[in-house]
Amino acid sequence: MSDIWQILEMERDNNRQIRLYRIDMYWIAFERSAFNLFSVCNVDNIVKIKDMKEEKNSMLIAIVKNGTPILYNPQFTILEKSENEILLGCRTTCRGFQHWKDSLISLFTENLYPTQDEKSRNIYHLNLEVLLN
């Protein structure tokens, strides 16, 4: 799955799983998957992005530069795995997602999607260099 809106919809009620998506040499997780990942292992960067058009909307992204060690974490069970996506079951669940999300400072960015096509919300078009700087 690569459509950002579908991913965010799936994350709305996600409490026990972590969905990771590979973009270039990075693995990324969104919203509750980002929270679950951050809660039980090391991540390289957490970014909260507010939508430039609708400021009330925000999105959390956790970025891991080398995702391979994540697979060996005893808290995780690999449920599905492909070259570009991994679904992990998480034995540990943490509460406080909304509080954590609200406490993070937002990054406003116009270059998150470098393409000019407004309908293009494919995660594989994310400009990760903007998020990592």
Protein backbone atom coordinates (compact mmCIF):
# COMPACT_ATOMS: atom_id res chain seq x y z
CA MET A 1 0.00 0.00 0.00
CA SER A 2 1.43 3.35 -0.93
CA ASP A 3 -1.37 5.91 -0.69
CA ILE A 4 -0.80 8.14 2.33
CA TRP A 5 -4.52 8.65 3.02
CA GLN A 6 -5.18 4.89 3.08
CA ILE A 7 -2.23 4.38 5.40
CA LEU A 8 -3.44 7.10 7.78
CA GLU A 9 -6.93 5.56 7.79
CA MET A 10 -5.49 2.15 8.75
CA GLU A 11 -3.42 3.78 11.49
CA ARG A 12 -6.46 5.40 13.13
CA ASP A 13 -7.33 2.29 15.19
CA ASN A 14 -3.97 0.54 15.12
CA ASN A 15 -2.88 -0.45 18.62
CA ARG A 16 -0.81 -3.61 18.33
CA GLN A 17 0.89 -3.54 14.95
CA ILE A 18 3.70 -1.65 13.30
CA ARG A 19 3.61 -1.04 9.58
CA LEU A 20 6.97 -0.13 8.05
CA TYR A 21 7.52 1.13 4.51
CA ARG A 22 10.90 1.19 2.81
CA ILE A 23 11.87 4.29 0.87
CA ASP A 24 15.38 4.16 -0.53
CA MET A 25 17.60 3.17 2.42
CA TYR A 26 15.08 4.21 5.09
CA TRP A 27 12.19 2.48 6.82
CA ILE A 28 9.33 4.72 7.87
CA ALA A 29 6.27 4.29 10.07
CA PHE A 30 3.27 6.61 10.37
CA GLU A 31 1.06 7.72 13.25
CA ARG A 32 0.36 4.88 15.74
CA SER A 33 2.93 2.61 14.09
CA ALA A 34 5.46 5.41 14.64
CA PHE A 35 4.40 5.68 18.29
CA ASN A 36 4.58 1.91 18.84
CA LEU A 37 7.97 1.71 17.16
CA PHE A 38 9.35 4.66 19.15
CA SER A 39 7.98 3.15 22.39
CA VAL A 40 9.93 -0.11 22.14
CA CYS A 41 13.05 0.56 20.09
CA ASN A 42 15.44 3.16 18.75
CA VAL A 43 14.42 5.36 15.82
CA ASP A 44 16.61 7.87 14.03
CA ASN A 45 14.07 10.65 13.70
CA ILE A 46 10.49 11.50 14.70
CA VAL A 47 8.80 14.20 12.66
CA LYS A 48 5.39 15.79 13.10
CA ILE A 49 4.19 17.48 9.95
CA LYS A 50 1.24 19.83 9.68
CA ASP A 51 -0.62 19.97 6.42
CA MET A 52 0.10 23.32 4.79
CA LYS A 53 -3.47 23.59 3.53
CA GLU A 54 -5.29 22.32 6.60
CA GLU A 55 -3.33 23.31 9.68
CA LYS A 56 -5.51 21.27 12.03
CA ASN A 57 -4.28 18.07 10.38
CA SER A 58 -0.92 16.65 11.32
CA MET A 59 0.94 13.43 10.68
CA LEU A 60 3.68 11.65 12.62
CA ILE A 61 6.51 9.88 10.89
CA ALA A 62 9.24 7.75 12.49
CA ILE A 63 12.33 7.20 10.36
CA VAL A 64 14.85 4.39 10.78
CA LYS A 65 17.98 4.44 8.63
CA ASN A 66 18.70 0.73 8.88
CA GLY A 67 15.58 -1.25 9.69
CA THR A 68 17.16 -4.70 9.79
CA PRO A 69 17.90 -4.70 13.57
CA ILE A 70 14.22 -3.94 14.23
CA LEU A 71 13.32 -7.38 12.95
CA TYR A 72 15.33 -9.02 15.74
CA ASN A 73 13.62 -7.12 18.58
CA PRO A 74 12.02 -9.70 20.91
CA GLN A 75 8.92 -7.48 21.24
CA PHE A 76 8.08 -7.96 17.54
CA THR A 77 6.70 -10.81 15.49
CA ILE A 78 6.97 -10.59 11.72
CA LEU A 79 3.44 -11.02 10.37
CA GLU A 80 4.09 -10.09 6.73
CA LYS A 81 7.22 -9.09 4.90
CA SER A 82 8.00 -7.97 1.37
CA GLU A 83 10.84 -6.01 -0.13
CA ASN A 84 9.21 -2.63 0.60
CA GLU A 85 6.74 -3.30 3.44
CA ILE A 86 6.82 -5.07 6.78
CA LEU A 87 3.94 -5.70 9.17
CA LEU A 88 5.02 -6.46 12.72
CA GLY A 89 2.97 -7.65 15.65
CA CYS A 90 3.98 -5.81 18.82
CA ARG A 91 3.82 -7.59 22.20
CA THR A 92 4.13 -4.34 24.13
CA THR A 93 1.42 -1.73 23.85
CA CYS A 94 1.75 1.75 25.22
CA ARG A 95 -0.92 4.26 26.02
CA GLY A 96 -0.73 7.98 25.49
CA PHE A 97 -0.52 8.23 21.71
CA GLN A 98 -2.61 11.42 21.45
CA HIS A 99 -0.77 13.11 24.33
CA TRP A 100 2.58 12.22 22.74
CA LYS A 101 1.45 13.46 19.33
CA ASP A 102 0.09 16.72 20.74
CA SER A 103 3.32 17.37 22.67
CA LEU A 104 5.56 17.24 19.60
CA ILE A 105 6.38 20.43 17.73
CA SER A 106 5.27 20.47 14.12
CA LEU A 107 7.49 20.90 11.13
CA PHE A 108 5.84 22.90 8.37
CA THR A 109 7.08 21.87 4.99
CA GLU A 110 6.05 22.67 1.48
CA ASN A 111 8.46 20.16 -0.05
CA LEU A 112 7.23 16.95 1.54
CA TYR A 113 5.81 15.91 -1.83
CA PRO A 114 8.20 17.26 -4.46
CA THR A 115 5.81 16.45 -7.30
CA GLN A 116 3.40 19.14 -8.41
CA ASP A 117 0.50 16.72 -8.79
CA GLU A 118 -1.84 17.44 -5.86
CA LYS A 119 -3.44 14.02 -6.20
CA SER A 120 -0.12 12.26 -5.88
CA ARG A 121 0.04 11.16 -2.25
CA ASN A 122 2.18 8.12 -2.81
CA ILE A 123 4.57 7.62 0.10
CA TYR A 124 7.31 6.60 -2.30
CA HIS A 125 7.39 10.22 -3.51
CA LEU A 126 8.12 11.58 -0.02
CA ASN A 127 11.11 13.89 0.08
CA LEU A 128 12.88 12.30 3.06
CA GLU A 129 15.90 14.57 2.75
CA VAL A 130 13.68 17.45 3.89
CA LEU A 131 12.62 15.45 6.96
CA LEU A 132 16.12 14.36 7.91
CA ASN A 133 17.72 17.82 7.82
